[in-house]
């Protein structure tokens, strides 16, 4: 493996964990993204999209500020775990509410998916920063980038293939399972953090 990849023997386990973590993050997003688009555009006119993006920017700024303030009081793994638990809770809500006729649901889901994609990816790279030093990052981040690409392709394929077979609540249930997996992987990965972290 070391002859093919820039991963040393002692780095293989943590790199595999981080590979599957970023794979899960991107797979999660690319399953939700088509649902976001179809729900919004089937319920609201496309001319409303600029307002949706404006609201997304507003809420993203608020969440970034909150995350920054929490980051000064809590550990990175606490924030990461709390974020994933919040994602699971909100996905259960969306799974339940898909059968309801709430006027705000397309707006809320649109904003949610856009923010979650950035938040989850940012937190992954923050976790990677706690685990790898600069020399390791130069060698290993390309491998992790491959995991991200593979997750995006898999999520797109799963979303496209299962859309005709599974209902929207079932697709959201898959994303809930992925989030549970991300919590487990992040807890294991945190044990490999650098000593100075």
N, C-alpha and C. Protein backbone atom coordinates (compact mmCIF):
# COMPACT_ATOMS: atom_id res chain seq x y z
N UNK A 1 0.83 -1.20 0.00
CA UNK A 1 0.00 0.00 0.00
C UNK A 1 0.87 1.26 0.00
N UNK A 2 1.96 1.23 0.80
CA UNK A 2 2.80 2.42 0.90
C UNK A 2 3.50 2.74 -0.41
N UNK A 3 3.67 1.69 -1.27
CA UNK A 3 4.29 1.96 -2.57
C UNK A 3 3.33 2.65 -3.52
N UNK A 4 2.03 2.45 -3.31
CA UNK A 4 1.03 3.03 -4.19
C UNK A 4 0.47 4.34 -3.64
N UNK A 5 0.34 4.42 -2.33
CA UNK A 5 -0.26 5.60 -1.71
C UNK A 5 0.73 6.24 -0.75
N UNK A 6 0.61 7.55 -0.55
CA UNK A 6 1.54 8.23 0.36
C UNK A 6 1.14 8.08 1.82
N UNK A 7 0.72 6.88 2.20
CA UNK A 7 0.27 6.64 3.57
C UNK A 7 1.22 5.63 4.21
N UNK A 8 1.82 6.00 5.32
CA UNK A 8 2.73 5.10 6.02
C UNK A 8 1.94 4.07 6.82
N UNK A 9 2.65 3.00 7.20
CA UNK A 9 1.99 1.89 7.88
C UNK A 9 1.24 2.35 9.12
N UNK A 10 1.85 3.20 9.93
CA UNK A 10 1.21 3.63 11.18
C UNK A 10 0.05 4.60 10.95
N UNK A 11 -0.09 5.09 9.73
CA UNK A 11 -1.17 6.04 9.40
C UNK A 11 -2.36 5.37 8.70
N UNK A 12 -2.23 4.11 8.41
CA UNK A 12 -3.25 3.44 7.59
C UNK A 12 -4.62 3.41 8.27
N UNK A 13 -4.67 3.05 9.54
CA UNK A 13 -5.95 2.92 10.22
C UNK A 13 -6.67 4.26 10.30
N UNK A 14 -6.01 5.30 10.77
CA UNK A 14 -6.67 6.59 10.92
C UNK A 14 -7.03 7.18 9.55
N UNK A 15 -6.19 6.93 8.55
CA UNK A 15 -6.51 7.44 7.22
C UNK A 15 -7.72 6.72 6.64
N UNK A 16 -7.85 5.43 6.90
CA UNK A 16 -9.04 4.70 6.46
C UNK A 16 -10.29 5.24 7.15
N UNK A 17 -10.17 5.52 8.45
CA UNK A 17 -11.30 6.08 9.20
C UNK A 17 -11.70 7.44 8.63
N UNK A 18 -10.71 8.29 8.39
CA UNK A 18 -11.01 9.62 7.86
C UNK A 18 -11.51 9.55 6.42
N UNK A 19 -11.00 8.61 5.65
CA UNK A 19 -11.48 8.39 4.28
C UNK A 19 -12.97 8.09 4.30
N UNK A 20 -13.38 7.15 5.16
CA UNK A 20 -14.79 6.78 5.22
C UNK A 20 -15.64 7.88 5.84
N UNK A 21 -15.03 8.69 6.71
CA UNK A 21 -15.77 9.82 7.28
C UNK A 21 -16.13 10.83 6.19
N UNK A 22 -15.14 11.25 5.42
CA UNK A 22 -15.44 12.25 4.37
C UNK A 22 -16.29 11.62 3.27
N UNK A 23 -16.11 10.34 3.02
CA UNK A 23 -16.97 9.62 2.08
C UNK A 23 -18.43 9.75 2.54
N UNK A 24 -18.68 9.50 3.83
CA UNK A 24 -20.03 9.59 4.37
C UNK A 24 -20.61 10.98 4.30
N UNK A 25 -19.79 11.99 4.59
CA UNK A 25 -20.25 13.39 4.54
C UNK A 25 -20.74 13.75 3.15
N UNK A 26 -19.95 13.42 2.13
CA UNK A 26 -20.33 13.78 0.76
C UNK A 26 -21.47 12.91 0.25
N UNK A 27 -21.49 11.64 0.63
CA UNK A 27 -22.57 10.76 0.24
C UNK A 27 -23.89 11.27 0.82
N UNK A 28 -23.86 11.65 2.07
CA UNK A 28 -25.02 12.22 2.78
C UNK A 28 -25.56 13.44 2.02
N UNK A 29 -24.67 14.34 1.65
CA UNK A 29 -25.10 15.56 0.97
C UNK A 29 -25.69 15.26 -0.41
N UNK A 30 -25.04 14.40 -1.17
CA UNK A 30 -25.51 14.14 -2.53
C UNK A 30 -26.75 13.25 -2.59
N UNK A 31 -27.13 12.64 -1.48
CA UNK A 31 -28.44 12.00 -1.41
C UNK A 31 -29.51 13.06 -1.15
N UNK A 32 -29.20 14.01 -0.25
CA UNK A 32 -30.18 15.04 0.12
C UNK A 32 -30.37 16.11 -0.95
N UNK A 33 -29.32 16.42 -1.70
CA UNK A 33 -29.38 17.56 -2.62
C UNK A 33 -30.48 17.44 -3.68
N UNK A 34 -30.64 16.30 -4.35
CA UNK A 34 -31.74 16.20 -5.32
C UNK A 34 -33.12 16.32 -4.66
N UNK A 35 -33.23 15.82 -3.42
CA UNK A 35 -34.50 15.95 -2.69
C UNK A 35 -34.80 17.42 -2.43
N UNK A 36 -33.77 18.17 -2.08
CA UNK A 36 -33.91 19.61 -1.81
C UNK A 36 -34.42 20.31 -3.06
N UNK A 37 -33.79 20.04 -4.18
CA UNK A 37 -34.16 20.72 -5.43
C UNK A 37 -35.59 20.36 -5.85
N UNK A 38 -35.91 19.06 -5.80
CA UNK A 38 -37.23 18.66 -6.26
C UNK A 38 -38.33 19.18 -5.35
N UNK A 39 -38.09 19.15 -4.04
CA UNK A 39 -39.10 19.65 -3.11
C UNK A 39 -39.33 21.14 -3.30
N UNK A 40 -38.24 21.90 -3.46
CA UNK A 40 -38.39 23.35 -3.58
C UNK A 40 -39.06 23.72 -4.90
N UNK A 41 -38.53 23.17 -5.99
CA UNK A 41 -39.04 23.58 -7.31
C UNK A 41 -40.42 23.03 -7.62
N UNK A 42 -40.82 21.95 -6.94
CA UNK A 42 -42.18 21.44 -7.15
C UNK A 42 -43.21 22.22 -6.34
N UNK A 43 -42.74 22.97 -5.34
CA UNK A 43 -43.67 23.70 -4.47
C UNK A 43 -43.63 25.21 -4.66
N UNK A 44 -42.48 25.72 -5.10
CA UNK A 44 -42.29 27.17 -5.16
C UNK A 44 -41.72 27.54 -6.53
N UNK A 45 -42.14 28.66 -7.04
CA UNK A 45 -41.69 29.11 -8.36
C UNK A 45 -40.18 29.37 -8.36
N UNK A 46 -39.55 29.08 -9.49
CA UNK A 46 -38.09 29.24 -9.59
C UNK A 46 -37.65 30.69 -9.38
N UNK A 47 -38.54 31.65 -9.62
CA UNK A 47 -38.17 33.05 -9.40
C UNK A 47 -37.93 33.35 -7.91
N UNK A 48 -38.34 32.44 -7.03
CA UNK A 48 -38.12 32.61 -5.59
C UNK A 48 -36.73 32.14 -5.14
N UNK A 49 -35.99 31.50 -6.05
CA UNK A 49 -34.66 30.97 -5.70
C UNK A 49 -33.71 32.02 -5.12
N UNK A 50 -33.64 33.24 -5.69
CA UNK A 50 -32.73 34.24 -5.09
C UNK A 50 -33.03 34.50 -3.62
N UNK A 51 -34.32 34.49 -3.25
CA UNK A 51 -34.68 34.70 -1.85
C UNK A 51 -34.23 33.53 -0.98
N UNK A 52 -34.32 32.33 -1.55
CA UNK A 52 -33.87 31.14 -0.82
C UNK A 52 -32.37 31.22 -0.55
N UNK A 53 -31.60 31.66 -1.56
CA UNK A 53 -30.15 31.79 -1.37
C UNK A 53 -29.81 32.91 -0.40
N UNK A 54 -30.59 33.97 -0.40
CA UNK A 54 -30.38 35.06 0.54
C UNK A 54 -30.63 34.60 1.97
N UNK A 55 -31.71 33.86 2.17
CA UNK A 55 -32.00 33.32 3.50
C UNK A 55 -30.93 32.31 3.93
N UNK A 56 -30.43 31.54 2.98
CA UNK A 56 -29.36 30.59 3.29
C UNK A 56 -28.12 31.32 3.80
N UNK A 57 -27.75 32.40 3.13
CA UNK A 57 -26.58 33.19 3.56
C UNK A 57 -26.79 33.77 4.95
N UNK A 58 -28.00 34.24 5.22
CA UNK A 58 -28.30 34.82 6.53
C UNK A 58 -28.16 33.78 7.64
N UNK A 59 -28.80 32.62 7.45
CA UNK A 59 -28.75 31.59 8.48
C UNK A 59 -27.37 30.96 8.59
N UNK A 60 -26.66 30.86 7.48
CA UNK A 60 -25.30 30.32 7.52
C UNK A 60 -24.40 31.23 8.35
N UNK A 61 -24.56 32.53 8.20
CA UNK A 61 -23.78 33.47 9.00
C UNK A 61 -24.08 33.34 10.48
N UNK A 62 -25.36 33.18 10.80
CA UNK A 62 -25.74 33.03 12.20
C UNK A 62 -25.17 31.75 12.80
N UNK A 63 -25.23 30.66 12.03
CA UNK A 63 -24.71 29.38 12.52
C UNK A 63 -23.19 29.42 12.64
N UNK A 64 -22.52 30.07 11.70
CA UNK A 64 -21.05 30.20 11.78
C UNK A 64 -20.65 30.97 13.02
N UNK A 65 -21.38 32.03 13.33
CA UNK A 65 -21.08 32.82 14.54
C UNK A 65 -21.30 31.98 15.79
N UNK A 66 -22.40 31.24 15.83
CA UNK A 66 -22.70 30.39 16.98
C UNK A 66 -21.64 29.31 17.14
N UNK A 67 -21.24 28.68 16.04
CA UNK A 67 -20.21 27.63 16.09
C UNK A 67 -18.88 28.19 16.58
N UNK A 68 -18.53 29.40 16.12
CA UNK A 68 -17.29 30.03 16.56
C UNK A 68 -17.31 30.28 18.06
N UNK A 69 -18.44 30.77 18.57
CA UNK A 69 -18.54 31.05 20.01
C UNK A 69 -18.50 29.75 20.82
N UNK A 70 -19.16 28.72 20.31
CA UNK A 70 -19.12 27.43 21.00
C UNK A 70 -17.72 26.84 20.98
N UNK A 71 -16.99 27.08 19.88
CA UNK A 71 -15.63 26.57 19.75
C UNK A 71 -14.67 27.11 20.78
N UNK A 72 -15.01 28.24 21.36
CA UNK A 72 -14.15 28.81 22.40
C UNK A 72 -14.46 28.23 23.77
N UNK A 73 -15.58 27.51 23.89
CA UNK A 73 -15.99 26.97 25.18
C UNK A 73 -15.99 25.45 25.23
N UNK A 74 -16.09 24.81 24.08
CA UNK A 74 -16.19 23.35 24.05
C UNK A 74 -15.11 22.77 23.16
N UNK A 75 -14.84 21.49 23.33
CA UNK A 75 -13.84 20.82 22.50
C UNK A 75 -14.39 20.59 21.10
N UNK A 76 -13.48 20.39 20.17
CA UNK A 76 -13.87 20.16 18.77
C UNK A 76 -14.74 18.92 18.64
N UNK A 77 -14.42 17.87 19.37
CA UNK A 77 -15.20 16.63 19.25
C UNK A 77 -16.59 16.81 19.84
N UNK A 78 -16.73 17.63 20.87
CA UNK A 78 -18.06 17.90 21.43
C UNK A 78 -18.92 18.64 20.41
N UNK A 79 -18.34 19.61 19.73
CA UNK A 79 -19.08 20.37 18.72
C UNK A 79 -19.44 19.45 17.54
N UNK A 80 -18.50 18.63 17.13
CA UNK A 80 -18.73 17.72 16.01
C UNK A 80 -19.85 16.72 16.35
N UNK A 81 -19.79 16.14 17.54
CA UNK A 81 -20.82 15.19 17.96
C UNK A 81 -22.17 15.89 18.11
N UNK A 82 -22.15 17.08 18.73
CA UNK A 82 -23.39 17.84 18.89
C UNK A 82 -24.02 18.20 17.56
N UNK A 83 -23.18 18.57 16.60
CA UNK A 83 -23.68 18.91 15.26
C UNK A 83 -24.34 17.69 14.61
N UNK A 84 -23.67 16.54 14.69
CA UNK A 84 -24.24 15.34 14.08
C UNK A 84 -25.52 14.89 14.78
N UNK A 85 -25.61 15.07 16.09
CA UNK A 85 -26.84 14.74 16.81
C UNK A 85 -27.96 15.70 16.39
N UNK A 86 -27.62 16.98 16.21
CA UNK A 86 -28.61 17.95 15.74
C UNK A 86 -29.08 17.60 14.33
N UNK A 87 -28.15 17.15 13.49
CA UNK A 87 -28.53 16.73 12.14
C UNK A 87 -29.49 15.54 12.19
N UNK A 88 -29.20 14.59 13.06
CA UNK A 88 -30.07 13.42 13.18
C UNK A 88 -31.47 13.84 13.64
N UNK A 89 -31.52 14.69 14.67
CA UNK A 89 -32.81 15.16 15.17
C UNK A 89 -33.59 15.90 14.09
N UNK A 90 -32.91 16.79 13.35
CA UNK A 90 -33.60 17.55 12.31
C UNK A 90 -34.03 16.64 11.15
N UNK A 91 -33.23 15.62 10.83
CA UNK A 91 -33.62 14.69 9.78
C UNK A 91 -34.86 13.87 10.18
N UNK A 92 -34.94 13.49 11.46
CA UNK A 92 -36.15 12.82 11.92
C UNK A 92 -37.37 13.74 11.76
N UNK A 93 -37.17 15.04 12.06
CA UNK A 93 -38.27 15.99 11.87
C UNK A 93 -38.67 16.07 10.40
N UNK A 94 -37.69 16.20 9.51
CA UNK A 94 -38.00 16.29 8.07
C UNK A 94 -38.66 15.00 7.58
N UNK A 95 -38.19 13.87 8.09
CA UNK A 95 -38.77 12.59 7.68
C UNK A 95 -40.25 12.55 8.05
N UNK A 96 -40.57 13.02 9.24
CA UNK A 96 -41.96 13.05 9.68
C UNK A 96 -42.76 14.09 8.89
N UNK A 97 -42.20 15.26 8.68
CA UNK A 97 -42.96 16.38 8.11
C UNK A 97 -43.17 16.27 6.60
N UNK A 98 -42.45 15.34 5.93
CA UNK A 98 -42.62 15.21 4.48
C UNK A 98 -44.05 14.83 4.10
N UNK A 99 -44.75 14.17 5.01
CA UNK A 99 -46.13 13.80 4.71
C UNK A 99 -47.14 14.89 5.05
N UNK A 100 -46.65 16.00 5.62
CA UNK A 100 -47.53 17.10 6.02
C UNK A 100 -47.52 18.19 4.94
N UNK A 101 -48.42 19.12 5.07
CA UNK A 101 -48.47 20.22 4.09
C UNK A 101 -48.09 21.55 4.76
N UNK A 102 -46.87 21.61 5.26
CA UNK A 102 -46.37 22.83 5.89
C UNK A 102 -45.85 23.76 4.79
N UNK A 103 -46.31 24.99 4.78
CA UNK A 103 -45.92 25.93 3.73
C UNK A 103 -44.42 26.24 3.76
N UNK A 104 -43.84 26.21 4.96
CA UNK A 104 -42.45 26.60 5.13
C UNK A 104 -41.47 25.46 4.84
N UNK A 105 -41.96 24.23 4.70
CA UNK A 105 -41.07 23.08 4.58
C UNK A 105 -40.10 23.16 3.40
N UNK A 106 -40.56 23.53 2.18
CA UNK A 106 -39.58 23.62 1.07
C UNK A 106 -38.48 24.64 1.34
N UNK A 107 -38.85 25.78 1.94
CA UNK A 107 -37.85 26.81 2.26
C UNK A 107 -36.87 26.28 3.31
N UNK A 108 -37.42 25.69 4.35
CA UNK A 108 -36.60 25.20 5.46
C UNK A 108 -35.65 24.10 5.00
N UNK A 109 -36.14 23.18 4.20
CA UNK A 109 -35.31 22.06 3.74
C UNK A 109 -34.23 22.55 2.77
N UNK A 110 -34.58 23.50 1.92
CA UNK A 110 -33.60 24.08 0.99
C UNK A 110 -32.44 24.70 1.76
N UNK A 111 -32.75 25.54 2.73
CA UNK A 111 -31.72 26.21 3.53
C UNK A 111 -30.92 25.20 4.33
N UNK A 112 -31.61 24.24 4.92
CA UNK A 112 -30.97 23.22 5.74
C UNK A 112 -29.90 22.45 4.97
N UNK A 113 -30.27 21.94 3.80
CA UNK A 113 -29.33 21.11 3.02
C UNK A 113 -28.12 21.94 2.58
N UNK A 114 -28.33 23.17 2.16
CA UNK A 114 -27.21 24.01 1.72
C UNK A 114 -26.25 24.28 2.88
N UNK A 115 -26.79 24.57 4.06
CA UNK A 115 -25.93 24.87 5.22
C UNK A 115 -25.23 23.62 5.72
N UNK A 116 -25.96 22.50 5.77
CA UNK A 116 -25.40 21.25 6.27
C UNK A 116 -24.20 20.81 5.44
N UNK A 117 -24.27 21.00 4.14
CA UNK A 117 -23.16 20.57 3.29
C UNK A 117 -21.88 21.30 3.65
N UNK A 118 -21.98 22.60 3.84
CA UNK A 118 -20.79 23.40 4.19
C UNK A 118 -20.33 23.09 5.61
N UNK A 119 -21.28 23.01 6.53
CA UNK A 119 -20.95 22.79 7.93
C UNK A 119 -20.27 21.44 8.14
N UNK A 120 -20.82 20.39 7.56
CA UNK A 120 -20.25 19.04 7.74
C UNK A 120 -18.87 18.93 7.11
N UNK A 121 -18.70 19.50 5.94
CA UNK A 121 -17.40 19.45 5.27
C UNK A 121 -16.36 20.24 6.05
N UNK A 122 -16.74 21.42 6.53
CA UNK A 122 -15.81 22.24 7.31
C UNK A 122 -15.40 21.52 8.58
N UNK A 123 -16.34 20.88 9.24
CA UNK A 123 -16.01 20.18 10.48
C UNK A 123 -15.13 18.96 10.22
N UNK A 124 -15.32 18.31 9.08
CA UNK A 124 -14.42 17.21 8.74
C UNK A 124 -12.97 17.70 8.63
N UNK A 125 -12.77 18.80 7.87
CA UNK A 125 -11.40 19.29 7.69
C UNK A 125 -10.82 19.85 8.98
N UNK A 126 -11.69 20.36 9.86
CA UNK A 126 -11.22 20.78 11.18
C UNK A 126 -10.71 19.58 11.97
N UNK A 127 -11.47 18.49 11.93
CA UNK A 127 -11.04 17.26 12.60
C UNK A 127 -9.72 16.75 12.01
N UNK A 128 -9.61 16.81 10.69
CA UNK A 128 -8.36 16.38 10.04
C UNK A 128 -7.18 17.22 10.51
N UNK A 129 -7.42 18.51 10.75
CA UNK A 129 -6.36 19.38 11.24
C UNK A 129 -5.88 19.01 12.64
N UNK A 130 -6.75 18.41 13.44
CA UNK A 130 -6.35 17.94 14.77
C UNK A 130 -5.56 16.64 14.71
N UNK A 131 -5.71 15.91 13.62
CA UNK A 131 -5.10 14.58 13.52
C UNK A 131 -3.76 14.60 12.78
N UNK A 132 -3.71 15.33 11.67
CA UNK A 132 -2.51 15.31 10.84
C UNK A 132 -1.71 16.59 11.02
N UNK A 133 -0.39 16.44 11.07
CA UNK A 133 0.46 17.63 11.07
C UNK A 133 0.68 18.08 9.62
N UNK A 134 1.44 19.16 9.43
CA UNK A 134 1.61 19.73 8.09
C UNK A 134 2.25 18.76 7.11
N UNK A 135 3.25 18.02 7.55
CA UNK A 135 3.91 17.08 6.65
C UNK A 135 2.98 15.94 6.25
N UNK A 136 2.22 15.45 7.22
CA UNK A 136 1.25 14.39 6.91
C UNK A 136 0.16 14.91 5.96
N UNK A 137 -0.29 16.13 6.22
CA UNK A 137 -1.37 16.71 5.40
C UNK A 137 -0.97 16.77 3.93
N UNK A 138 0.27 17.14 3.66
CA UNK A 138 0.74 17.24 2.27
C UNK A 138 0.67 15.90 1.55
N UNK A 139 0.88 14.82 2.31
CA UNK A 139 0.85 13.49 1.71
C UNK A 139 -0.56 12.89 1.67
N UNK A 140 -1.33 13.12 2.72
CA UNK A 140 -2.55 12.34 2.93
C UNK A 140 -3.82 13.05 2.46
N UNK A 141 -3.81 14.38 2.40
CA UNK A 141 -5.05 15.07 2.04
C UNK A 141 -5.54 14.73 0.64
N UNK A 142 -4.63 14.35 -0.24
CA UNK A 142 -5.06 13.93 -1.58
C UNK A 142 -5.85 12.63 -1.49
N UNK A 143 -5.44 11.74 -0.59
CA UNK A 143 -6.18 10.48 -0.38
C UNK A 143 -7.57 10.79 0.16
N UNK A 144 -7.65 11.73 1.11
CA UNK A 144 -8.95 12.10 1.68
C UNK A 144 -9.82 12.78 0.63
N UNK A 145 -9.20 13.55 -0.24
CA UNK A 145 -9.95 14.16 -1.34
C UNK A 145 -10.56 13.11 -2.26
N UNK A 146 -9.85 12.01 -2.44
CA UNK A 146 -10.38 10.89 -3.22
C UNK A 146 -11.61 10.30 -2.54
N UNK A 147 -11.56 10.22 -1.21
CA UNK A 147 -12.72 9.75 -0.45
C UNK A 147 -13.92 10.66 -0.63
N UNK A 148 -13.66 11.97 -0.65
CA UNK A 148 -14.74 12.94 -0.87
C UNK A 148 -15.36 12.75 -2.25
N UNK A 149 -14.51 12.60 -3.26
CA UNK A 149 -15.01 12.39 -4.61
C UNK A 149 -15.81 11.11 -4.74
N UNK A 150 -15.31 10.04 -4.11
CA UNK A 150 -16.02 8.76 -4.16
C UNK A 150 -17.37 8.87 -3.45
N UNK A 151 -17.41 9.61 -2.35
CA UNK A 151 -18.67 9.80 -1.64
C UNK A 151 -19.67 10.58 -2.46
N UNK A 152 -19.20 11.60 -3.16
CA UNK A 152 -20.09 12.40 -4.02
C UNK A 152 -20.67 11.54 -5.15
N UNK A 153 -19.83 10.73 -5.76
CA UNK A 153 -20.30 9.86 -6.85
C UNK A 153 -21.30 8.83 -6.32
N UNK A 154 -20.96 8.21 -5.19
CA UNK A 154 -21.85 7.20 -4.61
C UNK A 154 -23.19 7.81 -4.19
N UNK A 155 -23.14 8.98 -3.53
CA UNK A 155 -24.38 9.63 -3.12
C UNK A 155 -25.25 10.00 -4.30
N UNK A 156 -24.64 10.48 -5.37
CA UNK A 156 -25.40 10.82 -6.58
C UNK A 156 -26.02 9.57 -7.20
N UNK A 157 -25.24 8.50 -7.23
CA UNK A 157 -25.74 7.25 -7.81
C UNK A 157 -26.87 6.67 -6.96
N UNK A 158 -26.64 6.64 -5.63
CA UNK A 158 -27.66 6.10 -4.72
C UNK A 158 -28.95 6.91 -4.84
N UNK A 159 -28.80 8.25 -4.83
CA UNK A 159 -29.98 9.11 -4.96
C UNK A 159 -30.71 8.89 -6.26
N UNK A 160 -29.98 8.80 -7.36
CA UNK A 160 -30.60 8.60 -8.66
C UNK A 160 -31.22 7.23 -8.81
N UNK A 161 -30.52 6.21 -8.31
CA UNK A 161 -30.99 4.84 -8.47
C UNK A 161 -32.18 4.53 -7.57
N UNK A 162 -32.12 5.01 -6.32
CA UNK A 162 -33.15 4.66 -5.36
C UNK A 162 -34.37 5.58 -5.39
N UNK A 163 -34.26 6.70 -6.10
CA UNK A 163 -35.37 7.66 -6.12
C UNK A 163 -36.65 7.01 -6.63
N UNK A 164 -36.55 6.15 -7.61
CA UNK A 164 -37.74 5.49 -8.14
C UNK A 164 -38.20 4.30 -7.32
N UNK A 165 -37.34 3.84 -6.38
CA UNK A 165 -37.65 2.66 -5.59
C UNK A 165 -38.11 3.03 -4.18
N UNK A 166 -37.37 3.94 -3.55
CA UNK A 166 -37.66 4.32 -2.17
C UNK A 166 -38.38 5.65 -2.10
N UNK A 167 -39.15 5.82 -1.04
CA UNK A 167 -39.83 7.10 -0.80
C UNK A 167 -38.83 8.11 -0.23
N UNK A 168 -39.23 9.37 -0.21
CA UNK A 168 -38.37 10.41 0.36
C UNK A 168 -38.06 10.12 1.83
N UNK A 169 -39.05 9.75 2.67
CA UNK A 169 -38.71 9.41 4.06
C UNK A 169 -37.68 8.28 4.17
N UNK A 170 -37.73 7.31 3.27
CA UNK A 170 -36.75 6.22 3.29
C UNK A 170 -35.36 6.72 2.93
N UNK A 171 -35.28 7.65 1.99
CA UNK A 171 -33.98 8.24 1.62
C UNK A 171 -33.41 9.03 2.80
N UNK A 172 -34.30 9.74 3.50
CA UNK A 172 -33.84 10.49 4.67
C UNK A 172 -33.38 9.53 5.76
N UNK A 173 -34.04 8.37 5.88
CA UNK A 173 -33.61 7.37 6.86
C UNK A 173 -32.19 6.88 6.57
N UNK A 174 -31.83 6.76 5.29
CA UNK A 174 -30.46 6.39 4.92
C UNK A 174 -29.49 7.45 5.42
N UNK A 175 -29.86 8.72 5.26
CA UNK A 175 -29.00 9.82 5.72
C UNK A 175 -28.87 9.83 7.24
N UNK A 176 -29.93 9.46 7.95
CA UNK A 176 -29.86 9.35 9.41
C UNK A 176 -28.85 8.27 9.80
N UNK A 177 -28.91 7.13 9.11
CA UNK A 177 -27.95 6.05 9.40
C UNK A 177 -26.52 6.50 9.12
N UNK A 178 -26.32 7.26 8.05
CA UNK A 178 -24.98 7.78 7.74
C UNK A 178 -24.50 8.69 8.87
N UNK A 179 -25.38 9.55 9.39
CA UNK A 179 -24.99 10.45 10.47
C UNK A 179 -24.59 9.69 11.73
N UNK A 180 -25.31 8.62 12.05
CA UNK A 180 -24.91 7.79 13.19
C UNK A 180 -23.51 7.22 12.95
N UNK A 181 -23.26 6.77 11.73
CA UNK A 181 -21.92 6.26 11.38
C UNK A 181 -20.85 7.33 11.53
N UNK A 182 -21.18 8.57 11.16
CA UNK A 182 -20.21 9.67 11.28
C UNK A 182 -19.86 9.94 12.74
N UNK A 183 -20.84 9.81 13.63
CA UNK A 183 -20.55 10.01 15.05
C UNK A 183 -19.56 8.96 15.54
N UNK A 184 -19.79 7.71 15.17
CA UNK A 184 -18.89 6.63 15.58
C UNK A 184 -17.48 6.87 15.02
N UNK A 185 -17.39 7.18 13.74
CA UNK A 185 -16.08 7.40 13.12
C UNK A 185 -15.35 8.59 13.74
N UNK A 186 -16.07 9.67 14.03
CA UNK A 186 -15.41 10.84 14.62
C UNK A 186 -14.90 10.54 16.02
N UNK A 187 -15.65 9.76 16.78
CA UNK A 187 -15.19 9.40 18.13
C UNK A 187 -13.93 8.56 18.08
N UNK A 188 -13.87 7.65 17.12
CA UNK A 188 -12.65 6.83 16.97
C UNK A 188 -11.50 7.70 16.48
N UNK A 189 -11.76 8.54 15.49
CA UNK A 189 -10.71 9.38 14.92
C UNK A 189 -10.12 10.32 15.96
N UNK A 190 -10.94 10.80 16.87
CA UNK A 190 -10.47 11.77 17.87
C UNK A 190 -9.38 11.18 18.76
N UNK A 191 -9.36 9.87 18.91
CA UNK A 191 -8.34 9.22 19.73
C UNK A 191 -6.97 9.27 19.07
N UNK A 192 -6.93 9.58 17.78
CA UNK A 192 -5.66 9.65 17.04
C UNK A 192 -5.16 11.08 16.91
N UNK A 193 -5.79 12.02 17.60
CA UNK A 193 -5.38 13.43 17.46
C UNK A 193 -3.96 13.62 17.94
N UNK A 194 -3.33 14.68 17.42
CA UNK A 194 -1.95 15.01 17.81
C UNK A 194 -1.90 15.31 19.32
N UNK A 195 -0.76 15.00 19.94
CA UNK A 195 -0.64 15.19 21.38
C UNK A 195 -0.88 16.62 21.81
N UNK A 196 -0.43 17.58 21.00
CA UNK A 196 -0.59 19.00 21.37
C UNK A 196 -2.01 19.49 21.20
N UNK A 197 -2.87 18.68 20.57
CA UNK A 197 -4.28 19.07 20.41
C UNK A 197 -5.09 18.75 21.65
